[in-house]
Amino acid sequence: MQSILITGASSGIGRELSRQLARSDRRLLLAGRNGEALAETAAGLPGEVATETGDLTDSAFRDRLVSAAVDNGMNLLINNAGAGAFGALEQTSDKGIATLFATNVQAPVALIRDLLPQLQTVSNAQIVNIGSTLGALGFPGQAVYAGSKAALRGVTEALRRELEGRAIKVQYIAPRATRTRLNSPCVTALNEAMGHRMDSPESVARAIIKRLPRRAGDYYLGWPEKVFVRLNLLMPGAVDRFFRKHRRTIQAALAKEERS
């Protein structure tokens, strides 16, 4: 039986992953900060479903979650929990920076570290870190968020190479803009003004699940975003010019976000 730990399962992509992965031959362990919302996610799902409520930045909660994962024979970790922020860096507080990096980088990396002993004892072991296109394509107004996702991508890449020769597959899957609570109304309006498509959590979850059986590595969801990621690597000046063209629109959105 496949046993899956999904973090950030209270809403958005995590909730849809839970619903779509729930089958009678799977055991799910769902983690989230909102106990009521987590219970709503778990309600009515087939198969064996357990929940753990808490904040992944809390080491005591991570210890409890690791114990539950070991008890459930977990062989697939989906690190989906994350936080978002839109705003100019000069307006971002020390606390805001620390919170974002603690949630998006420190907590998932610590969870992986603590679960590696378990993953080395099971068959078909897999780690999936859910990142963002912005981790490889820095967007104005998203400096801290993009930096945190770039860090997660770097950790994933290094860990994949570090675990070479062991039976643990490591993937980094990066959705593009998605209609979840991570995005403020200003971000949604900015995406629409710039012609950026926003995916539903349902379609993102389907794409992630479709990717699970494939080889380890990095995978970016959405067209033309995946092309922009490659272009940004090879010709960053071309991407700079794209953002320069939309500078006034972005600055107006940042000003609106600051007032809200």
C-alpha atoms as a PDB file:
ATOM      1  CA  MET A   1       0.000   0.000   0.000  1.00  0.00           C
ATOM      2  CA  GLN A   2       1.261   3.460  -0.889  1.00  0.00           C
ATOM      3  CA  SER A   3       1.434   5.777   2.115  1.00  0.00           C
ATOM      4  CA  ILE A   4       1.531   9.522   1.415  1.00  0.00           C
ATOM      5  CA  LEU A   5       2.220  12.533   3.613  1.00  0.00           C
ATOM      6  CA  ILE A   6       0.833  15.776   2.149  1.00  0.00           C
ATOM      7  CA  THR A   7       1.634  19.047   3.893  1.00  0.00           C
ATOM      8  CA  GLY A   8      -0.498  22.145   3.385  1.00  0.00           C
ATOM      9  CA  ALA A   9      -3.554  19.944   2.891  1.00  0.00           C
ATOM     10  CA  SER A  10      -6.027  22.397   4.432  1.00  0.00           C
ATOM     11  CA  SER A  11      -6.773  24.207   1.170  1.00  0.00           C
ATOM     12  CA  GLY A  12      -5.721  24.972  -2.382  1.00  0.00           C
ATOM     13  CA  ILE A  13      -3.392  22.584  -4.183  1.00  0.00           C
ATOM     14  CA  GLY A  14      -2.884  20.459  -1.052  1.00  0.00           C
ATOM     15  CA  ARG A  15      -6.590  19.872  -0.650  1.00  0.00           C
ATOM     16  CA  GLU A  16      -6.954  18.883  -4.310  1.00  0.00           C
ATOM     17  CA  LEU A  17      -3.950  16.570  -4.113  1.00  0.00           C
ATOM     18  CA  SER A  18      -5.566  14.877  -1.124  1.00  0.00           C
ATOM     19  CA  ARG A  19      -8.871  14.421  -2.928  1.00  0.00           C
ATOM     20  CA  GLN A  20      -7.338  13.152  -6.141  1.00  0.00           C
ATOM     21  CA  LEU A  21      -4.826  10.832  -4.479  1.00  0.00           C
ATOM     22  CA  ALA A  22      -7.373   9.291  -2.112  1.00  0.00           C
ATOM     23  CA  ARG A  23      -8.018   5.704  -3.131  1.00  0.00           C
ATOM     24  CA  SER A  24      -8.808   2.519  -1.276  1.00  0.00           C
ATOM     25  CA  ASP A  25      -5.259   1.236  -1.853  1.00  0.00           C
ATOM     26  CA  ARG A  26      -3.593   4.378  -0.468  1.00  0.00           C
ATOM     27  CA  ARG A  27      -3.020   5.616   3.046  1.00  0.00           C
ATOM     28  CA  LEU A  28      -2.998   9.412   3.484  1.00  0.00           C
ATOM     29  CA  LEU A  29      -1.526  11.492   6.280  1.00  0.00           C
ATOM     30  CA  LEU A  30      -2.654  15.101   5.873  1.00  0.00           C
ATOM     31  CA  ALA A  31      -0.983  18.013   7.650  1.00  0.00           C
ATOM     32  CA  GLY A  32      -2.121  21.611   7.926  1.00  0.00           C
ATOM     33  CA  ARG A  33      -2.377  24.572  10.272  1.00  0.00           C
ATOM     34  CA  ASN A  34      -6.161  24.941  10.190  1.00  0.00           C
ATOM     35  CA  GLY A  35      -7.751  22.002  11.974  1.00  0.00           C
ATOM     36  CA  GLU A  36     -11.293  22.757  10.834  1.00  0.00           C
ATOM     37  CA  ALA A  37     -10.268  23.136   7.189  1.00  0.00           C
ATOM     38  CA  LEU A  38      -8.117  20.009   7.429  1.00  0.00           C
ATOM     39  CA  ALA A  39     -11.107  18.051   8.709  1.00  0.00           C
ATOM     40  CA  GLU A  40     -13.122  19.318   5.728  1.00  0.00           C
ATOM     41  CA  THR A  41     -10.411  18.044   3.396  1.00  0.00           C
ATOM     42  CA  ALA A  42     -10.396  14.611   5.021  1.00  0.00           C
ATOM     43  CA  ALA A  43     -14.186  14.246   5.249  1.00  0.00           C
ATOM     44  CA  GLY A  44     -15.514  11.544   2.969  1.00  0.00           C
ATOM     45  CA  LEU A  45     -12.193  10.534   1.453  1.00  0.00           C
ATOM     46  CA  PRO A  46     -11.880   6.805   0.722  1.00  0.00           C
ATOM     47  CA  GLY A  47      -9.103   4.664   2.137  1.00  0.00           C
ATOM     48  CA  GLU A  48      -7.187   5.288   5.341  1.00  0.00           C
ATOM     49  CA  VAL A  49      -6.903   8.997   6.154  1.00  0.00           C
ATOM     50  CA  ALA A  50      -5.258  10.549   9.209  1.00  0.00           C
ATOM     51  CA  THR A  51      -4.686  14.224   9.999  1.00  0.00           C
ATOM     52  CA  GLU A  52      -2.163  16.191  12.048  1.00  0.00           C
ATOM     53  CA  THR A  53      -2.809  19.870  12.804  1.00  0.00           C
ATOM     54  CA  GLY A  54       0.037  22.255  13.471  1.00  0.00           C
ATOM     55  CA  ASP A  55       2.645  24.656  12.117  1.00  0.00           C
ATOM     56  CA  LEU A  56       5.580  23.043  10.300  1.00  0.00           C
ATOM     57  CA  THR A  57       7.885  25.801  11.528  1.00  0.00           C
ATOM     58  CA  ASP A  58       7.314  24.391  15.053  1.00  0.00           C
ATOM     59  CA  SER A  59       9.878  21.646  15.691  1.00  0.00           C
ATOM     60  CA  ALA A  60       7.611  19.940  18.221  1.00  0.00           C
ATOM     61  CA  PHE A  61       4.874  19.612  15.613  1.00  0.00           C
ATOM     62  CA  ARG A  62       7.363  18.287  13.059  1.00  0.00           C
ATOM     63  CA  ASP A  63       8.466  15.650  15.576  1.00  0.00           C
ATOM     64  CA  ARG A  64       4.852  14.579  16.031  1.00  0.00           C
ATOM     65  CA  LEU A  65       4.293  14.517  12.286  1.00  0.00           C
ATOM     66  CA  VAL A  66       7.421  12.433  11.681  1.00  0.00           C
ATOM     67  CA  SER A  67       6.267   9.902  14.288  1.00  0.00           C
ATOM     68  CA  ALA A  68       2.876   9.655  12.599  1.00  0.00           C
ATOM     69  CA  ALA A  69       4.530   9.258   9.188  1.00  0.00           C
ATOM     70  CA  VAL A  70       6.722   6.426  10.475  1.00  0.00           C
ATOM     71  CA  ASP A  71       3.717   4.728  12.074  1.00  0.00           C
ATOM     72  CA  ASN A  72       1.908   4.966   8.719  1.00  0.00           C
ATOM     73  CA  GLY A  73       4.833   3.490   6.767  1.00  0.00           C
ATOM     74  CA  MET A  74       5.108   6.635   4.646  1.00  0.00           C
ATOM     75  CA  ASN A  75       6.949   6.229   1.322  1.00  0.00           C
ATOM     76  CA  LEU A  76       5.893   9.446  -0.470  1.00  0.00           C
ATOM     77  CA  LEU A  77       6.383  12.939   0.961  1.00  0.00           C
ATOM     78  CA  ILE A  78       4.718  15.829  -0.853  1.00  0.00           C
ATOM     79  CA  ASN A  79       6.084  19.069   0.586  1.00  0.00           C
ATOM     80  CA  ASN A  80       3.295  21.378  -0.506  1.00  0.00           C
ATOM     81  CA  ALA A  81       2.848  23.773   2.445  1.00  0.00           C
ATOM     82  CA  GLY A  82       3.978  27.298   1.719  1.00  0.00           C
ATOM     83  CA  ALA A  83       3.345  30.994   2.164  1.00  0.00           C
ATOM     84  CA  GLY A  84       3.238  33.839  -0.330  1.00  0.00           C
ATOM     85  CA  ALA A  85       3.953  37.557  -0.239  1.00  0.00           C
ATOM     86  CA  PHE A  86       3.627  40.357  -2.768  1.00  0.00           C
ATOM     87  CA  GLY A  87       5.239  43.712  -2.106  1.00  0.00           C
ATOM     88  CA  ALA A  88       8.312  45.827  -2.633  1.00  0.00           C
ATOM     89  CA  LEU A  89      11.346  44.554  -0.760  1.00  0.00           C
ATOM     90  CA  GLU A  90      11.917  47.959   0.847  1.00  0.00           C
ATOM     91  CA  GLN A  91       8.471  47.642   2.446  1.00  0.00           C
ATOM     92  CA  THR A  92       9.070  44.107   3.767  1.00  0.00           C
ATOM     93  CA  SER A  93       9.770  43.699   7.484  1.00  0.00           C
ATOM     94  CA  ASP A  94      12.375  41.460   9.096  1.00  0.00           C
ATOM     95  CA  LYS A  95       9.523  39.339  10.419  1.00  0.00           C
ATOM     96  CA  GLY A  96       7.988  39.017   6.958  1.00  0.00           C
ATOM     97  CA  ILE A  97      11.279  37.847   5.459  1.00  0.00           C
ATOM     98  CA  ALA A  98      11.930  35.393   8.300  1.00  0.00           C
ATOM     99  CA  THR A  99       8.408  33.961   8.210  1.00  0.00           C
ATOM    100  CA  LEU A 100       8.483  33.340   4.476  1.00  0.00           C
ATOM    101  CA  PHE A 101      11.867  31.608   4.510  1.00  0.00           C
ATOM    102  CA  ALA A 102      10.953  29.597   7.612  1.00  0.00           C
ATOM    103  CA  THR A 103       7.759  28.355   5.964  1.00  0.00           C
ATOM    104  CA  ASN A 104       8.984  27.843   2.404  1.00  0.00           C
ATOM    105  CA  VAL A 105      12.536  26.629   3.046  1.00  0.00           C
ATOM    106  CA  GLN A 106      13.537  25.787   6.609  1.00  0.00           C
ATOM    107  CA  ALA A 107      10.442  23.779   7.543  1.00  0.00           C
ATOM    108  CA  PRO A 108      10.278  21.532   4.439  1.00  0.00           C
ATOM    109  CA  VAL A 109      14.050  20.959   4.478  1.00  0.00           C
ATOM    110  CA  ALA A 110      13.985  20.011   8.170  1.00  0.00           C
ATOM    111  CA  LEU A 111      11.035  17.691   7.540  1.00  0.00           C
ATOM    112  CA  ILE A 112      12.911  15.939   4.728  1.00  0.00           C
ATOM    113  CA  ARG A 113      15.976  15.546   6.946  1.00  0.00           C
ATOM    114  CA  ASP A 114      13.946  14.002   9.740  1.00  0.00           C
ATOM    115  CA  LEU A 115      12.078  11.646   7.380  1.00  0.00           C
ATOM    116  CA  LEU A 116      15.111  10.363   5.458  1.00  0.00           C
ATOM    117  CA  PRO A 117      15.665   7.449   7.875  1.00  0.00           C
ATOM    118  CA  GLN A 118      12.075   6.320   7.238  1.00  0.00           C
ATOM    119  CA  LEU A 119      12.319   6.771   3.478  1.00  0.00           C
ATOM    120  CA  GLN A 120      15.445   4.609   3.363  1.00  0.00           C
ATOM    121  CA  THR A 121      13.557   1.657   4.850  1.00  0.00           C
ATOM    122  CA  VAL A 122      10.651   1.511   2.355  1.00  0.00           C
ATOM    123  CA  SER A 123      10.264   0.665  -1.307  1.00  0.00           C
ATOM    124  CA  ASN A 124       9.363   3.228  -3.997  1.00  0.00           C
ATOM    125  CA  ALA A 125      10.404   6.089  -1.720  1.00  0.00           C
ATOM    126  CA  GLN A 126       9.860   9.541  -3.139  1.00  0.00           C
ATOM    127  CA  ILE A 127      10.211  13.196  -2.141  1.00  0.00           C
ATOM    128  CA  VAL A 128       8.262  15.826  -4.079  1.00  0.00           C
ATOM    129  CA  ASN A 129       8.840  19.496  -3.317  1.00  0.00           C
ATOM    130  CA  ILE A 130       6.207  21.841  -4.702  1.00  0.00           C
ATOM    131  CA  GLY A 131       7.908  25.016  -5.820  1.00  0.00           C
ATOM    132  CA  SER A 132       6.947  27.842  -8.150  1.00  0.00           C
ATOM    133  CA  THR A 133       7.838  29.129 -11.586  1.00  0.00           C
ATOM    134  CA  LEU A 134       9.006  32.242  -9.741  1.00  0.00           C
ATOM    135  CA  GLY A 135      11.779  30.180  -8.161  1.00  0.00           C
ATOM    136  CA  ALA A 136      13.485  30.293 -11.563  1.00  0.00           C
ATOM    137  CA  LEU A 137      11.903  33.459 -12.946  1.00  0.00           C
ATOM    138  CA  GLY A 138      12.180  36.380 -10.545  1.00  0.00           C
ATOM    139  CA  PHE A 139       9.094  38.595 -10.713  1.00  0.00           C
ATOM    140  CA  PRO A 140       9.172  42.231  -9.502  1.00  0.00           C
ATOM    141  CA  GLY A 141       7.369  42.525  -6.185  1.00  0.00           C
ATOM    142  CA  GLN A 142       8.083  38.871  -5.356  1.00  0.00           C
ATOM    143  CA  ALA A 143      11.741  39.119  -4.325  1.00  0.00           C
ATOM    144  CA  VAL A 144      11.367  37.310  -0.991  1.00  0.00           C
ATOM    145  CA  TYR A 145       8.929  34.696  -2.268  1.00  0.00           C
ATOM    146  CA  ALA A 146      10.965  34.037  -5.421  1.00  0.00           C
ATOM    147  CA  GLY A 147      14.114  33.790  -3.320  1.00  0.00           C
ATOM    148  CA  SER A 148      12.547  31.253  -0.984  1.00  0.00           C
ATOM    149  CA  LYS A 149      11.356  29.060  -3.859  1.00  0.00           C
ATOM    150  CA  ALA A 150      14.749  29.350  -5.575  1.00  0.00           C
ATOM    151  CA  ALA A 151      16.301  28.117  -2.335  1.00  0.00           C
ATOM    152  CA  LEU A 152      13.912  25.159  -2.219  1.00  0.00           C
ATOM    153  CA  ARG A 153      14.761  24.315  -5.813  1.00  0.00           C
ATOM    154  CA  GLY A 154      18.472  24.442  -4.998  1.00  0.00           C
ATOM    155  CA  VAL A 155      18.039  22.165  -2.003  1.00  0.00           C
ATOM    156  CA  THR A 156      16.040  19.713  -4.120  1.00  0.00           C
ATOM    157  CA  GLU A 157      18.693  19.611  -6.842  1.00  0.00           C
ATOM    158  CA  ALA A 158      21.539  19.103  -4.372  1.00  0.00           C
ATOM    159  CA  LEU A 159      19.627  16.452  -2.433  1.00  0.00           C
ATOM    160  CA  ARG A 160      18.831  14.532  -5.610  1.00  0.00           C
ATOM    161  CA  ARG A 161      22.557  14.312  -6.320  1.00  0.00           C
ATOM    162  CA  GLU A 162      23.387  13.599  -2.676  1.00  0.00           C
ATOM    163  CA  LEU A 163      21.019  10.613  -2.649  1.00  0.00           C
ATOM    164  CA  GLU A 164      22.332   9.211  -5.953  1.00  0.00           C
ATOM    165  CA  GLY A 165      22.564   5.438  -5.640  1.00  0.00           C
ATOM    166  CA  ARG A 166      19.847   5.211  -2.990  1.00  0.00           C
ATOM    167  CA  ALA A 167      16.308   4.168  -3.862  1.00  0.00           C
ATOM    168  CA  ILE A 168      14.744   7.583  -3.167  1.00  0.00           C
ATOM    169  CA  LYS A 169      13.407   9.633  -6.088  1.00  0.00           C
ATOM    170  CA  VAL A 170      13.510  13.421  -5.631  1.00  0.00           C
ATOM    171  CA  GLN A 171      11.438  15.838  -7.718  1.00  0.00           C
ATOM    172  CA  TYR A 172      10.839  19.578  -7.785  1.00  0.00           C
ATOM    173  CA  ILE A 173       7.525  20.473  -9.437  1.00  0.00           C
ATOM    174  CA  ALA A 174       6.832  24.154 -10.061  1.00  0.00           C
ATOM    175  CA  PRO A 175       3.298  25.382 -10.812  1.00  0.00           C
ATOM    176  CA  ARG A 176       2.704  28.784 -12.392  1.00  0.00           C
ATOM    177  CA  ALA A 177       0.167  31.248 -10.959  1.00  0.00           C
ATOM    178  CA  THR A 178      -2.679  29.343  -9.319  1.00  0.00           C
ATOM    179  CA  ARG A 179      -6.006  30.562  -7.981  1.00  0.00           C
ATOM    180  CA  THR A 180      -5.408  29.987  -4.281  1.00  0.00           C
ATOM    181  CA  ARG A 181      -5.489  32.098  -1.137  1.00  0.00           C
ATOM    182  CA  LEU A 182      -1.736  32.686  -1.477  1.00  0.00           C
ATOM    183  CA  ASN A 183      -2.557  35.325  -4.087  1.00  0.00           C
ATOM    184  CA  SER A 184      -3.979  38.645  -2.951  1.00  0.00           C
ATOM    185  CA  PRO A 185      -6.616  40.410  -5.092  1.00  0.00           C
ATOM    186  CA  CYS A 186      -3.839  42.738  -6.299  1.00  0.00           C
ATOM    187  CA  VAL A 187      -1.777  39.786  -7.552  1.00  0.00           C
ATOM    188  CA  THR A 188      -4.778  38.303  -9.333  1.00  0.00           C
ATOM    189  CA  ALA A 189      -5.560  41.628 -10.983  1.00  0.00           C
ATOM    190  CA  LEU A 190      -1.901  42.073 -11.984  1.00  0.00           C
ATOM    191  CA  ASN A 191      -1.785  38.622 -13.594  1.00  0.00           C
ATOM    192  CA  GLU A 192      -4.919  39.434 -15.559  1.00  0.00           C
ATOM    193  CA  ALA A 193      -3.547  42.828 -16.649  1.00  0.00           C
ATOM    194  CA  MET A 194      -0.328  41.218 -17.885  1.00  0.00           C
ATOM    195  CA  GLY A 195      -2.146  38.413 -19.665  1.00  0.00           C
ATOM    196  CA  HIS A 196      -0.855  35.664 -17.356  1.00  0.00           C
ATOM    197  CA  ARG A 197      -3.068  32.610 -17.084  1.00  0.00           C
ATOM    198  CA  MET A 198      -3.932  31.335 -13.623  1.00  0.00           C
ATOM    199  CA  ASP A 199      -4.587  27.628 -13.171  1.00  0.00           C
ATOM    200  CA  SER A 200      -7.167  26.075 -10.889  1.00  0.00           C
ATOM    201  CA  PRO A 201      -5.929  23.986  -7.931  1.00  0.00           C
ATOM    202  CA  GLU A 202      -7.729  21.003  -9.503  1.00  0.00           C
ATOM    203  CA  SER A 203      -5.756  21.191 -12.758  1.00  0.00           C
ATOM    204  CA  VAL A 204      -2.461  21.750 -10.933  1.00  0.00           C
ATOM    205  CA  ALA A 205      -3.077  18.716  -8.722  1.00  0.00           C
ATOM    206  CA  ARG A 206      -3.815  16.583 -11.792  1.00  0.00           C
ATOM    207  CA  ALA A 207      -0.582  17.733 -13.438  1.00  0.00           C
ATOM    208  CA  ILE A 208       1.453  16.985 -10.300  1.00  0.00           C
ATOM    209  CA  ILE A 209      -0.024  13.502  -9.950  1.00  0.00           C
ATOM    210  CA  LYS A 210       0.624  12.787 -13.615  1.00  0.00           C
ATOM    211  CA  ARG A 211       4.264  13.691 -13.035  1.00  0.00           C
ATOM    212  CA  LEU A 212       4.774  11.464  -9.955  1.00  0.00           C
ATOM    213  CA  PRO A 213       5.674   8.224 -11.802  1.00  0.00           C
ATOM    214  CA  ARG A 214       8.209   9.946 -14.062  1.00  0.00           C
ATOM    215  CA  ARG A 215      11.928  10.399 -13.569  1.00  0.00           C
ATOM    216  CA  ALA A 216      13.415  12.591 -10.873  1.00  0.00           C
ATOM    217  CA  GLY A 217      14.287  16.181 -11.722  1.00  0.00           C
ATOM    218  CA  ASP A 218      12.733  19.627 -12.111  1.00  0.00           C
ATOM    219  CA  TYR A 219       9.434  20.129 -13.892  1.00  0.00           C
ATOM    220  CA  TYR A 220       7.654  23.399 -14.660  1.00  0.00           C
ATOM    221  CA  LEU A 221       3.919  23.544 -15.315  1.00  0.00           C
ATOM    222  CA  GLY A 222       2.320  25.818 -17.889  1.00  0.00           C
ATOM    223  CA  TRP A 223       2.974  27.302 -21.275  1.00  0.00           C
ATOM    224  CA  PRO A 224       4.605  29.763 -22.025  1.00  0.00           C
ATOM    225  CA  GLU A 225       5.998  29.972 -18.471  1.00  0.00           C
ATOM    226  CA  LYS A 226       8.288  26.966 -18.932  1.00  0.00           C
ATOM    227  CA  VAL A 227       9.709  28.643 -22.055  1.00  0.00           C
ATOM    228  CA  PHE A 228      10.321  31.859 -20.094  1.00  0.00           C
ATOM    229  CA  VAL A 229      12.203  29.830 -17.470  1.00  0.00           C
ATOM    230  CA  ARG A 230      14.557  28.526 -20.153  1.00  0.00           C
ATOM    231  CA  LEU A 231      14.830  31.969 -21.771  1.00  0.00           C
ATOM    232  CA  ASN A 232      15.627  33.530 -18.407  1.00  0.00           C
ATOM    233  CA  LEU A 233      18.502  31.097 -18.025  1.00  0.00           C
ATOM    234  CA  LEU A 234      19.924  31.651 -21.504  1.00  0.00           C
ATOM    235  CA  MET A 235      18.954  35.270 -22.238  1.00  0.00           C
ATOM    236  CA  PRO A 236      17.986  37.077 -19.020  1.00  0.00           C
ATOM    237  CA  GLY A 237      18.164  40.441 -20.760  1.00  0.00           C
ATOM    238  CA  ALA A 238      15.183  39.502 -22.930  1.00  0.00           C
ATOM    239  CA  VAL A 239      13.127  38.771 -19.813  1.00  0.00           C
ATOM    240  CA  ASP A 240      14.309  42.042 -18.248  1.00  0.00           C
ATOM    241  CA  ARG A 241      12.911  43.858 -21.278  1.00  0.00           C
ATOM    242  CA  PHE A 242       9.582  42.055 -20.903  1.00  0.00           C
ATOM    243  CA  PHE A 243       9.206  43.238 -17.314  1.00  0.00           C
ATOM    244  CA  ARG A 244      10.421  46.707 -18.233  1.00  0.00           C
ATOM    245  CA  LYS A 245       7.532  46.973 -20.684  1.00  0.00           C
ATOM    246  CA  HIS A 246       5.100  46.239 -17.821  1.00  0.00           C
ATOM    247  CA  ARG A 247       6.884  48.352 -15.208  1.00  0.00           C
ATOM    248  CA  ARG A 248       4.080  50.893 -14.706  1.00  0.00           C
ATOM    249  CA  THR A 249       1.462  48.182 -14.344  1.00  0.00           C
ATOM    250  CA  ILE A 250       3.582  46.362 -11.757  1.00  0.00           C
ATOM    251  CA  GLN A 251       4.369  49.559  -9.841  1.00  0.00           C
ATOM    252  CA  ALA A 252       0.674  50.438  -9.705  1.00  0.00           C
ATOM    253  CA  ALA A 253      -0.128  46.980  -8.309  1.00  0.00           C
ATOM    254  CA  LEU A 254       2.602  47.307  -5.684  1.00  0.00           C
ATOM    255  CA  ALA A 255       1.268  50.708  -4.624  1.00  0.00           C
ATOM    256  CA  LYS A 256      -2.253  49.297  -4.344  1.00  0.00           C
ATOM    257  CA  GLU A 257      -1.006  46.332  -2.317  1.00  0.00           C
ATOM    258  CA  GLU A 258       0.801  48.651   0.093  1.00  0.00           C
ATOM    259  CA  ARG A 259      -2.399  50.679   0.649  1.00  0.00           C
ATOM    260  CA  SER A 260      -4.574  47.609   1.231  1.00  0.00           C
END
